[in-house]
Amino acid sequence: MPIKHPNLHLEPMNGAIPAWQGKIADSDLQPICQNVRDGGGRLLALWGSDQRASQQGFALHTLLVNETGLVCLNLPLAGDHPVYPDISHIFPAANRMQRAAYDLLGIYAHEGGDHRKWLRHGAWHGSSFPLCKDFDAAQSRSDELDAYSFVQVEGIGVHEIAVGPVHAGIIEPGHFRFSIVGEKVLRLEERLGYTHKGTEKRFESMTLQQGAKLAGRVSGDSTVAYAWAYAMAAESVANVTPPDRALWLRALFLERERTANHLGDLGYLGNDVAFSFGFAQFWILKERLLRNNAALFGHRYLMDKIIPGGVTADLFAEGKRVIEEELAMLEHEVRLLRGIYDEHAGIQDRFIGAGRVEPKLAAQLGLCGLAGRASAQSWDTRVQFPCAPYDKLDVQMATYRNGDVAARVIVRFDELFESLRLQRKILVNLLGGDELARPLVQLPANGFGIGMVEGWRGEVTVAIHTDAQGNLTRVHPHDPSWQNWPVLEHAVLGNIVPDFPLINKSFNLSYSGQDL
């Protein structure tokens, strides 16, 4: 039993990741969450659903993870304006998730201390909720201003710097409110959600196949991870296993996505300390990889190559040769560049000690993924819960303890080399077999499935609910940036303002992935 609690009765779920679900009472939510927290577990995601069409009212879904697997707690909520117990004092990352759940569905964490709007930004009336099934977009448009009360820091010599939400270049909007003395940061408070695209609402009107395309566009730099997590959730609902060759190809796509993003970020980190040589060299390498993706698979970022039931692209002998040559080239070039980064006094002076997150704080706040592993949080889905074909690949987890920019750079390098090794092993195992997919057209009625994939940034999770006809009634994609954006506010404390871009890039979190 993954969690022991007298009132909790769990049922195993189908799927590639060990998972259970259970219905709980209002009074059991906090004790169960505390039990998981005390045992070293974490909060993965929190979302709500409108189930009134099936006479079940609203529901809160809390997805937890511990060493045994995933546990989804389903809490039925009564009334048109339902409430539930706050869990942000147990899992601090729940704060923004709870606020978003209210903005979108009107379900309210009644004991929570922070009820400021998170996603609304005045785009719809405060008394209407877009994910309710009776939401009328035409009648709910709003021009009202949505004043946001930032926390004020007072004292002699304290000043505020407001950055964003509009930034130079093409990055997505986010507002950063710094409270400083001189150049030293006393407090940082973020406000995100400016690009709210209605992604979760859009899923409700889509077929399973259309939803797969949308899932791959939740956060474009993680298209493979989201597409695989969505497919895994759908396959869990349908109790379908894709062909072996499709699973090996999915892993190849995922590791190529990881490699491309690490190459790009290592270049950007060089650029943020005025080392333009490193920026240019790493981006040349990333561009070569992306061009090979386009030539071999038809898309630079591998969009739409994973579908529920399998994949849409294959790799043949000539393609294997191209990738093998690419891997040898990347290993040689990146080793040279790593030596330059390690031995460059100016780079190391900026990297070491900047944006440090101590392991104890990382554990308390739920820091996950690459940034978490740089602060001694040893969680990697490919290691703890290796679905096929990772159960045959023996992934070597990269971890470090210092938790600063330098540590996050070290973990990136280590993961990049491991990803090159994994791609070689995958190529060896792509032996024959021509079945690429067992396509899913319709899911079973009243189904629920979860998929979780270790994307390059961290755990990407997708939950799928179906209605009485087997249609998508609720899809919740969850990005690890939900957990990690709040930690960035702590990482920058005590640093100087000019180091913020460097610290921010060392996390490289998604605006789009947590704005659904």
Protein backbone atom coordinates (compact mmCIF):
# COMPACT_ATOMS: atom_id res chain seq x y z
CA MET A 1 0.00 0.00 0.00
CA PRO A 2 1.61 3.34 -1.08
CA ILE A 3 -0.09 5.36 1.72
CA LYS A 4 -1.46 4.07 5.02
CA HIS A 5 -4.51 5.89 6.31
CA PRO A 6 -7.60 4.35 7.93
CA ASN A 7 -10.07 6.18 5.67
CA LEU A 8 -8.17 5.80 2.40
CA HIS A 9 -8.99 2.93 0.06
CA LEU A 10 -6.85 2.97 -3.07
CA GLU A 11 -7.46 1.28 -6.39
CA PRO A 12 -4.58 0.54 -8.77
CA MET A 13 -4.64 2.33 -12.13
CA ASN A 14 -3.57 1.01 -15.51
CA GLY A 15 -0.50 2.51 -17.09
CA ALA A 16 3.25 2.58 -17.51
CA ILE A 17 3.86 4.30 -14.14
CA PRO A 18 2.74 2.68 -10.85
CA ALA A 19 -0.31 4.68 -9.77
CA TRP A 20 -3.33 4.44 -7.49
CA GLN A 21 -6.42 6.56 -6.95
CA GLY A 22 -8.91 6.87 -4.14
CA LYS A 23 -11.90 8.96 -3.07
CA ILE A 24 -11.44 10.83 0.20
CA ALA A 25 -13.47 12.97 2.57
CA ASP A 26 -12.86 16.64 3.23
CA SER A 27 -11.42 15.95 6.69
CA ASP A 28 -8.86 13.46 5.35
CA LEU A 29 -7.09 15.67 2.80
CA GLN A 30 -4.69 17.40 5.17
CA PRO A 31 -3.77 14.31 7.27
CA ILE A 32 -3.05 12.24 4.15
CA CYS A 33 -0.95 15.00 2.61
CA GLN A 34 0.96 15.39 5.88
CA ASN A 35 1.51 11.62 5.95
CA VAL A 36 3.00 11.73 2.45
CA ARG A 37 5.13 14.76 3.28
CA ASP A 38 6.48 13.14 6.47
CA GLY A 39 7.44 10.09 4.42
CA GLY A 40 9.49 12.12 1.95
CA GLY A 41 6.78 12.39 -0.71
CA ARG A 42 5.88 15.44 -2.77
CA LEU A 43 2.95 17.22 -4.39
CA LEU A 44 2.99 16.77 -8.17
CA ALA A 45 -0.18 18.57 -9.23
CA LEU A 46 -3.52 19.92 -8.02
CA TRP A 47 -6.54 20.66 -10.22
CA GLY A 48 -10.31 20.69 -10.14
CA SER A 49 -13.09 19.39 -12.37
CA ASP A 50 -16.75 20.18 -12.97
CA GLN A 51 -18.65 16.87 -12.82
CA ARG A 52 -22.14 18.31 -12.39
CA ALA A 53 -23.30 16.84 -15.71
CA SER A 54 -23.02 13.39 -14.12
CA GLN A 55 -24.69 14.58 -10.90
CA GLN A 56 -21.39 14.46 -9.03
CA GLY A 57 -20.78 18.16 -8.43
CA PHE A 58 -17.24 19.49 -8.44
CA ALA A 59 -14.09 17.60 -7.45
CA LEU A 60 -10.58 18.42 -6.32
CA HIS A 61 -7.77 16.17 -7.55
CA THR A 62 -4.47 16.10 -5.68
CA LEU A 63 -1.63 14.11 -7.26
CA LEU A 64 1.11 13.00 -4.87
CA VAL A 65 4.27 10.99 -5.42
CA ASN A 66 6.40 8.93 -3.06
CA GLU A 67 8.90 6.12 -3.47
CA THR A 68 6.16 3.65 -4.48
CA GLY A 69 4.52 5.68 -7.25
CA LEU A 70 1.70 8.15 -7.85
CA VAL A 71 -1.40 8.57 -5.70
CA CYS A 72 -4.34 10.67 -6.87
CA LEU A 73 -6.72 11.80 -4.12
CA ASN A 74 -10.18 12.60 -5.49
CA LEU A 75 -12.20 14.82 -3.17
CA PRO A 76 -15.90 15.37 -4.11
CA LEU A 77 -17.04 18.95 -3.39
CA ALA A 78 -20.62 19.93 -2.68
CA GLY A 79 -22.49 23.06 -3.68
CA ASP A 80 -22.13 25.67 -6.40
CA HIS A 81 -19.30 27.44 -4.53
CA PRO A 82 -17.43 24.52 -2.98
CA VAL A 83 -14.61 24.76 -0.47
CA TYR A 84 -11.85 22.43 0.64
CA PRO A 85 -9.01 22.50 3.20
CA ASP A 86 -5.86 24.42 2.28
CA ILE A 87 -2.71 22.27 1.90
CA SER A 88 -0.20 25.04 1.09
CA HIS A 89 1.18 24.91 4.65
CA ILE A 90 2.10 21.27 3.95
CA PHE A 91 3.19 21.70 0.33
CA PRO A 92 4.07 25.36 -0.34
CA ALA A 93 3.87 24.73 -4.10
CA ALA A 94 0.12 24.21 -3.69
CA ASN A 95 -0.45 27.95 -3.13
CA ARG A 96 -0.54 29.01 -6.78
CA MET A 97 -2.23 25.80 -7.88
CA GLN A 98 -5.08 26.46 -5.42
CA ARG A 99 -5.39 30.06 -6.56
CA ALA A 100 -5.51 28.94 -10.20
CA ALA A 101 -8.16 26.33 -9.34
CA TYR A 102 -10.33 29.09 -7.89
CA ASP A 103 -9.82 31.42 -10.87
CA LEU A 104 -10.80 28.67 -13.31
CA LEU A 105 -13.47 26.72 -11.41
CA GLY A 106 -14.49 28.67 -8.32
CA ILE A 107 -13.37 25.97 -5.87
CA TYR A 108 -11.93 27.63 -2.79
CA ALA A 109 -9.19 26.67 -0.32
CA HIS A 110 -11.03 28.17 2.63
CA GLU A 111 -8.16 28.13 5.14
CA GLY A 112 -5.55 29.52 2.76
CA GLY A 113 -3.91 32.82 3.56
CA ASP A 114 -3.39 33.97 -0.02
CA HIS A 115 -6.43 34.33 -2.26
CA ARG A 116 -5.11 36.83 -4.79
CA LYS A 117 -6.04 36.18 -8.39
CA TRP A 118 -3.41 34.16 -10.24
CA LEU A 119 -4.64 33.62 -13.79
CA ARG A 120 -7.63 35.92 -14.27
CA HIS A 121 -5.94 39.32 -14.85
CA GLY A 122 -9.41 40.84 -15.34
CA ALA A 123 -9.96 38.86 -18.57
CA TRP A 124 -13.31 37.53 -17.33
CA HIS A 125 -15.70 38.52 -14.57
CA GLY A 126 -14.54 37.59 -11.11
CA SER A 127 -17.84 35.81 -10.49
CA SER A 128 -17.55 33.53 -13.54
CA PHE A 129 -15.22 30.59 -14.01
CA PRO A 130 -14.01 29.41 -17.43
CA LEU A 131 -13.67 25.69 -16.68
CA CYS A 132 -17.26 25.39 -15.49
CA LYS A 133 -19.30 23.57 -18.13
CA ASP A 134 -21.91 26.34 -18.20
CA PHE A 135 -19.34 29.11 -18.78
CA ASP A 136 -20.42 31.55 -21.50
CA ALA A 137 -17.38 33.33 -22.87
CA ALA A 138 -19.42 35.94 -24.73
CA GLN A 139 -21.23 36.96 -21.55
CA SER A 140 -18.18 36.79 -19.30
CA ARG A 141 -15.80 39.24 -20.94
CA SER A 142 -14.58 41.89 -18.58
CA ASP A 143 -12.82 45.22 -18.86
CA GLU A 144 -12.49 45.64 -15.12
CA LEU A 145 -9.03 46.30 -13.75
CA ASP A 146 -7.60 43.55 -11.60
CA ALA A 147 -5.42 45.37 -9.09
CA TYR A 148 -2.80 43.03 -7.65
CA SER A 149 -1.52 43.62 -4.15
CA PHE A 150 2.21 42.95 -4.14
CA VAL A 151 3.84 42.46 -0.75
CA GLN A 152 5.45 45.72 0.36
CA VAL A 153 8.93 45.79 1.89
CA GLU A 154 9.58 48.89 4.00
CA GLY A 155 12.72 50.29 5.54
CA ILE A 156 15.44 52.88 5.11
CA GLY A 157 16.94 52.73 1.63
CA VAL A 158 14.48 50.15 0.28
CA HIS A 159 13.48 50.64 -3.34
CA GLU A 160 11.36 48.70 -5.80
CA ILE A 161 12.26 47.68 -9.34
CA ALA A 162 9.43 46.50 -11.57
CA VAL A 163 10.49 44.32 -14.50
CA GLY A 164 7.97 43.24 -17.13
CA PRO A 165 5.50 41.87 -17.88
CA VAL A 166 6.64 42.87 -21.38
CA HIS A 167 10.29 42.00 -21.97
CA ALA A 168 12.76 42.72 -24.73
CA GLY A 169 12.95 40.07 -27.44
CA ILE A 170 10.39 37.31 -27.92
CA ILE A 171 10.14 35.72 -24.47
CA GLU A 172 6.70 35.41 -22.91
CA PRO A 173 5.44 37.94 -20.36
CA GLY A 174 6.03 37.77 -16.65
CA HIS A 175 6.25 40.46 -13.99
CA PHE A 176 9.08 40.52 -11.42
CA ARG A 177 8.84 42.95 -8.50
CA PHE A 178 12.20 43.41 -6.74
CA SER A 179 12.62 45.05 -3.35
CA ILE A 180 16.25 46.11 -3.02
CA VAL A 181 18.77 48.02 -0.95
CA GLY A 182 21.47 49.29 -3.25
CA GLU A 183 21.89 46.38 -5.64
CA LYS A 184 21.13 43.65 -3.08
CA VAL A 185 17.80 41.85 -3.44
CA LEU A 186 15.70 41.72 -0.26
CA ARG A 187 12.63 40.20 -1.88
CA LEU A 188 11.39 39.08 -5.27
CA GLU A 189 7.72 38.54 -6.04
CA GLU A 190 6.54 37.16 -9.35
CA ARG A 191 3.26 37.56 -11.14
CA LEU A 192 2.66 35.28 -14.09
CA GLY A 193 -0.37 34.13 -16.09
CA TYR A 194 -0.41 36.97 -18.62
CA THR A 195 -0.60 34.67 -21.65
CA HIS A 196 -3.59 32.69 -20.46
CA LYS A 197 -4.56 30.83 -23.62
CA GLY A 198 -7.52 28.79 -22.46
CA THR A 199 -5.64 25.56 -23.16
CA GLU A 200 -7.55 23.42 -20.68
CA LYS A 201 -10.88 24.78 -21.93
CA ARG A 202 -9.88 24.06 -25.51
CA PHE A 203 -9.30 20.38 -24.73
CA GLU A 204 -12.99 20.01 -23.83
CA SER A 205 -14.11 20.41 -27.45
CA MET A 206 -11.42 18.23 -29.01
CA THR A 207 -11.17 14.65 -30.15
CA LEU A 208 -8.46 12.48 -28.68
CA GLN A 209 -6.31 13.01 -31.77
CA GLN A 210 -6.78 16.78 -31.78
CA GLY A 211 -5.92 16.83 -28.09
CA ALA A 212 -2.62 15.13 -28.84
CA LYS A 213 -1.59 18.03 -31.08
CA LEU A 214 -2.58 20.58 -28.45
CA ALA A 215 -0.76 18.70 -25.68
CA GLY A 216 2.45 18.93 -27.69
CA ARG A 217 2.07 22.71 -27.76
CA VAL A 218 1.51 23.41 -24.06
CA SER A 219 5.18 24.39 -23.78
CA GLY A 220 6.97 24.21 -27.11
CA ASP A 221 10.40 23.38 -25.72
CA SER A 222 8.92 20.24 -24.13
CA THR A 223 6.69 19.04 -26.96
CA VAL A 224 7.96 15.44 -26.78
CA ALA A 225 7.50 15.20 -23.01
CA TYR A 226 3.94 16.58 -23.14
CA ALA A 227 2.93 14.48 -26.14
CA TRP A 228 4.26 11.33 -24.45
CA ALA A 229 2.60 12.15 -21.10
CA TYR A 230 -0.72 12.78 -22.90
CA ALA A 231 -0.38 9.54 -24.87
CA MET A 232 0.55 7.66 -21.70
CA ALA A 233 -2.55 8.99 -19.93
CA ALA A 234 -4.79 8.01 -22.86
CA GLU A 235 -3.20 4.56 -23.03
CA SER A 236 -3.80 4.21 -19.30
CA VAL A 237 -7.51 4.95 -19.76
CA ALA A 238 -7.75 2.50 -22.67
CA ASN A 239 -5.40 -0.07 -21.11
CA VAL A 240 -3.37 -0.19 -24.34
CA THR A 241 0.39 -0.75 -24.71
CA PRO A 242 2.13 0.73 -27.78
CA PRO A 243 4.42 -1.43 -29.96
CA ASP A 244 7.97 -1.94 -28.66
CA ARG A 245 9.51 -0.05 -31.57
CA ALA A 246 7.29 2.95 -30.83
CA LEU A 247 8.46 3.01 -27.21
CA TRP A 248 12.13 2.96 -28.24
CA LEU A 249 11.50 5.78 -30.70
CA ARG A 250 9.68 7.81 -28.02
CA ALA A 251 12.73 7.52 -25.77
CA LEU A 252 14.98 8.59 -28.64
CA PHE A 253 12.81 11.65 -29.28
CA LEU A 254 12.76 12.53 -25.57
CA GLU A 255 16.54 12.30 -25.21
CA ARG A 256 17.03 14.42 -28.33
CA GLU A 257 14.72 17.02 -26.84
CA ARG A 258 16.73 16.92 -23.61
CA THR A 259 20.03 17.26 -25.50
CA ALA A 260 18.81 20.19 -27.59
CA ASN A 261 17.57 22.15 -24.57
CA HIS A 262 20.72 21.55 -22.53
CA LEU A 263 22.87 22.71 -25.44
CA GLY A 264 20.80 25.86 -25.81
CA ASP A 265 20.80 26.65 -22.09
CA LEU A 266 24.55 26.14 -21.71
CA GLY A 267 24.98 28.66 -24.51
CA TYR A 268 22.59 31.13 -22.91
CA LEU A 269 24.35 30.78 -19.55
CA GLY A 270 27.61 31.70 -21.25
CA ASN A 271 25.91 34.66 -22.85
CA ASP A 272 24.58 35.87 -19.47
CA VAL A 273 28.15 36.21 -18.18
CA ALA A 274 29.29 38.00 -21.37
CA PHE A 275 30.98 34.89 -22.79
CA SER A 276 29.57 35.18 -26.30
CA PHE A 277 31.99 32.55 -27.64
CA GLY A 278 30.24 29.88 -25.56
CA PHE A 279 26.84 31.11 -26.66
CA ALA A 280 27.78 30.89 -30.33
CA GLN A 281 29.43 27.48 -30.08
CA PHE A 282 26.62 25.79 -28.16
CA TRP A 283 23.98 27.19 -30.47
CA ILE A 284 25.86 25.95 -33.51
CA LEU A 285 25.70 22.48 -31.97
CA LYS A 286 21.99 22.83 -31.14
CA GLU A 287 21.27 23.98 -34.69
CA ARG A 288 22.98 20.91 -36.12
CA LEU A 289 20.83 18.66 -33.97
CA LEU A 290 17.63 20.49 -34.92
CA ARG A 291 18.46 20.28 -38.63
CA ASN A 292 19.02 16.55 -38.29
CA ASN A 293 15.63 16.28 -36.56
CA ALA A 294 14.00 18.05 -39.50
CA ALA A 295 15.78 15.88 -42.07
CA LEU A 296 15.15 12.57 -40.32
CA PHE A 297 11.76 13.05 -38.66
CA GLY A 298 10.13 15.99 -40.44
CA HIS A 299 10.16 18.57 -37.63
CA ARG A 300 12.96 20.47 -35.91
CA TYR A 301 11.34 20.14 -32.48
CA LEU A 302 9.67 16.75 -33.13
CA MET A 303 6.11 18.03 -32.85
CA ASP A 304 3.33 15.52 -33.56
CA LYS A 305 5.71 12.56 -33.67
CA ILE A 306 4.07 10.92 -30.63
CA ILE A 307 0.39 10.00 -30.71
CA PRO A 308 -1.82 7.92 -28.41
CA GLY A 309 -0.96 4.34 -29.28
CA GLY A 310 2.47 4.92 -30.79
CA VAL A 311 4.51 7.25 -33.02
CA THR A 312 4.22 8.73 -36.51
CA ALA A 313 7.90 8.67 -37.56
CA ASP A 314 10.47 5.91 -37.98
CA LEU A 315 14.26 5.75 -38.25
CA PHE A 316 16.08 3.71 -40.87
CA ALA A 317 19.68 2.61 -41.42
CA GLU A 318 20.87 5.87 -42.99
CA GLY A 319 19.22 7.87 -40.20
CA LYS A 320 20.99 5.76 -37.59
CA ARG A 321 24.31 6.53 -39.23
CA VAL A 322 23.54 10.27 -39.22
CA ILE A 323 22.66 10.24 -35.52
CA GLU A 324 25.70 8.13 -34.59
CA GLU A 325 27.95 10.67 -36.33
CA GLU A 326 26.10 13.51 -34.61
CA LEU A 327 26.54 11.90 -31.19
CA ALA A 328 30.29 11.46 -31.71
CA MET A 329 30.60 15.07 -32.83
CA LEU A 330 28.59 16.40 -29.89
CA GLU A 331 30.53 14.40 -27.32
CA HIS A 332 33.85 15.69 -28.65
CA GLU A 333 32.76 19.33 -28.96
CA VAL A 334 30.91 19.51 -25.64
CA ARG A 335 33.87 18.03 -23.75
CA LEU A 336 36.07 20.77 -25.17
CA LEU A 337 33.53 23.45 -24.25
CA ARG A 338 33.07 22.05 -20.76
CA GLY A 339 36.81 22.31 -20.21
CA ILE A 340 36.69 25.96 -21.30
CA TYR A 341 33.75 26.74 -18.99
CA ASP A 342 35.41 24.95 -16.04
CA GLU A 343 38.74 26.73 -16.46
CA HIS A 344 37.46 30.22 -17.25
CA ALA A 345 37.93 32.29 -14.09
CA GLY A 346 35.43 34.95 -15.10
CA ILE A 347 32.69 32.42 -15.78
CA GLN A 348 33.25 30.52 -12.55
CA ASP A 349 33.34 33.75 -10.54
CA ARG A 350 29.81 34.51 -11.77
CA PHE A 351 28.50 30.93 -11.50
CA ILE A 352 29.78 29.84 -8.10
CA GLY A 353 27.57 30.90 -5.20
CA ALA A 354 24.99 32.69 -7.33
CA GLY A 355 21.33 31.82 -6.78
CA ARG A 356 21.97 29.12 -4.22
CA VAL A 357 19.12 26.91 -2.99
CA GLU A 358 20.18 24.79 -0.03
CA PRO A 359 19.06 21.14 -0.12
CA LYS A 360 16.89 21.61 2.99
CA LEU A 361 15.04 24.55 1.42
CA ALA A 362 14.74 22.68 -1.88
CA ALA A 363 13.06 19.78 -0.10
CA GLN A 364 10.76 22.09 1.86
CA LEU A 365 9.59 23.96 -1.24
CA GLY A 366 9.36 20.92 -3.52
CA LEU A 367 12.05 21.92 -6.02
CA CYS A 368 12.06 19.29 -8.75
CA GLY A 369 13.65 18.26 -12.01
CA LEU A 370 17.07 19.46 -13.08
CA ALA A 371 17.11 22.34 -10.60
CA GLY A 372 16.10 19.99 -7.79
CA ARG A 373 18.84 17.48 -8.62
CA ALA A 374 21.38 20.32 -8.44
CA SER A 375 20.19 20.84 -4.82
CA ALA A 376 20.49 17.15 -3.84
CA GLN A 377 16.86 16.21 -4.60
CA SER A 378 17.34 12.75 -6.10
CA TRP A 379 14.17 12.42 -8.15
CA ASP A 380 14.15 11.36 -11.80
CA THR A 381 11.16 9.49 -13.22
CA ARG A 382 13.46 7.58 -15.57
CA VAL A 383 15.20 6.13 -12.50
CA GLN A 384 12.48 5.81 -9.84
CA PHE A 385 9.68 4.66 -12.16
CA PRO A 386 11.33 3.56 -15.40
CA CYS A 387 8.63 2.83 -17.97
CA ALA A 388 9.58 0.98 -21.14
CA PRO A 389 12.13 1.28 -22.58
CA TYR A 390 13.89 3.07 -19.69
CA ASP A 391 13.59 -0.11 -17.65
CA LYS A 392 16.28 -1.50 -19.99
CA LEU A 393 18.52 1.57 -20.14
CA ASP A 394 19.85 1.91 -16.55
CA VAL A 395 19.75 5.72 -16.45
CA GLN A 396 22.50 7.28 -14.31
CA MET A 397 20.97 10.16 -12.38
CA ALA A 398 23.02 13.37 -12.27
CA THR A 399 22.93 15.12 -8.88
CA TYR A 400 24.91 17.79 -7.04
CA ARG A 401 24.62 19.43 -3.63
CA ASN A 402 25.68 23.08 -3.89
CA GLY A 403 22.41 24.28 -5.43
CA ASP A 404 23.91 27.34 -7.12
CA VAL A 405 24.20 28.34 -10.78
CA ALA A 406 27.46 26.38 -11.01
CA ALA A 407 25.70 23.24 -9.73
CA ARG A 408 22.87 23.61 -12.22
CA VAL A 409 25.46 23.97 -14.99
CA ILE A 410 27.27 20.82 -13.80
CA VAL A 411 24.03 18.84 -13.78
CA ARG A 412 23.24 20.07 -17.30
CA PHE A 413 26.61 18.88 -18.58
CA ASP A 414 26.27 15.53 -16.81
CA GLU A 415 22.74 14.97 -18.09
CA LEU A 416 23.77 15.95 -21.60
CA PHE A 417 26.52 13.32 -21.72
CA GLU A 418 24.19 10.73 -20.21
CA SER A 419 21.60 11.56 -22.85
CA LEU A 420 24.18 10.98 -25.59
CA ARG A 421 24.95 7.58 -24.05
CA LEU A 422 21.28 6.69 -23.87
CA GLN A 423 20.73 7.58 -27.50
CA ARG A 424 23.50 5.20 -28.50
CA LYS A 425 21.88 2.39 -26.50
CA ILE A 426 18.50 3.17 -28.03
CA LEU A 427 19.94 2.98 -31.55
CA VAL A 428 21.36 -0.45 -30.78
CA ASN A 429 17.94 -1.65 -29.66
CA LEU A 430 16.05 -0.37 -32.72
CA LEU A 431 16.21 -3.79 -34.35
CA GLY A 432 13.55 -4.65 -36.88
CA GLY A 433 9.83 -4.62 -36.32
CA ASP A 434 7.77 -2.24 -38.41
CA GLU A 435 4.71 -1.64 -36.23
CA LEU A 436 4.74 1.99 -35.12
CA ALA A 437 1.29 2.48 -33.62
CA ARG A 438 -1.91 0.89 -32.38
CA PRO A 439 -3.93 4.08 -32.88
CA LEU A 440 -6.63 4.98 -30.38
CA VAL A 441 -9.79 6.50 -31.83
CA GLN A 442 -12.04 6.61 -28.77
CA LEU A 443 -11.45 6.20 -25.06
CA PRO A 444 -13.69 4.24 -22.67
CA ALA A 445 -16.50 6.03 -20.88
CA ASN A 446 -15.96 7.63 -17.47
CA GLY A 447 -12.24 6.93 -17.60
CA PHE A 448 -9.34 8.50 -15.77
CA GLY A 449 -5.67 8.15 -16.61
CA ILE A 450 -2.36 9.77 -15.71
CA GLY A 451 0.89 10.02 -17.64
CA MET A 452 4.22 11.23 -16.24
CA VAL A 453 7.42 11.75 -18.22
CA GLU A 454 10.79 13.14 -17.10
CA GLY A 455 11.11 16.09 -19.44
CA TRP A 456 14.36 18.03 -19.65
CA ARG A 457 13.04 20.57 -17.11
CA GLY A 458 11.48 17.99 -14.77
CA GLU A 459 8.36 15.85 -14.40
CA VAL A 460 5.70 16.61 -16.99
CA THR A 461 2.31 15.23 -15.97
CA VAL A 462 -0.97 14.96 -17.89
CA ALA A 463 -4.29 13.76 -16.47
CA ILE A 464 -7.23 12.80 -18.72
CA HIS A 465 -10.88 12.45 -17.65
CA THR A 466 -13.54 11.14 -20.04
CA ASP A 467 -17.32 11.53 -19.90
CA ALA A 468 -20.12 8.98 -20.33
CA GLN A 469 -19.51 8.92 -24.09
CA GLY A 470 -15.73 8.53 -23.82
CA ASN A 471 -15.04 12.13 -24.89
CA LEU A 472 -12.42 14.34 -23.29
CA THR A 473 -14.20 16.15 -20.49
CA ARG A 474 -11.14 17.39 -18.56
CA VAL A 475 -7.45 17.39 -19.47
CA HIS A 476 -4.93 18.82 -17.04
CA PRO A 477 -1.31 19.23 -18.22
CA HIS A 478 1.13 20.09 -15.44
CA ASP A 479 4.56 21.62 -15.91
CA PRO A 480 7.36 21.37 -13.30
CA SER A 481 7.60 25.16 -13.49
CA TRP A 482 4.58 25.31 -11.13
CA GLN A 483 6.86 23.95 -8.40
CA ASN A 484 10.02 25.79 -9.38
CA TRP A 485 8.94 29.37 -10.11
CA PRO A 486 8.31 30.10 -6.39
CA VAL A 487 11.77 28.70 -5.52
CA LEU A 488 13.38 31.22 -7.88
CA GLU A 489 12.03 33.95 -5.58
CA HIS A 490 14.16 32.46 -2.78
CA ALA A 491 17.20 31.71 -4.94
CA VAL A 492 17.72 35.37 -5.81
CA LEU A 493 17.64 36.67 -2.21
CA GLY A 494 20.92 38.25 -1.12
CA ASN A 495 22.22 38.36 -4.69
CA ILE A 496 22.72 41.53 -6.69
CA VAL A 497 20.15 42.63 -9.23
CA PRO A 498 22.48 42.13 -12.26
CA ASP A 499 22.76 38.44 -11.37
CA PHE A 500 19.02 37.87 -11.71
CA PRO A 501 19.09 37.12 -15.47
CA LEU A 502 21.84 34.54 -14.88
CA ILE A 503 20.02 32.90 -11.95
CA ASN A 504 16.73 32.95 -13.85
CA LYS A 505 18.32 31.31 -16.90
CA SER A 506 19.96 28.63 -14.75
CA PHE A 507 16.41 27.48 -13.87
CA ASN A 508 14.96 28.33 -17.32
CA LEU A 509 11.34 27.87 -16.34
CA SER A 510 8.31 27.92 -18.60
CA TYR A 511 5.83 30.80 -18.65
CA SER A 512 3.51 28.97 -21.03
CA GLY A 513 3.55 25.64 -19.20
CA GLN A 514 1.93 27.02 -16.06
CA ASP A 515 -0.54 29.32 -17.79
CA LEU A 516 -3.37 27.12 -19.04
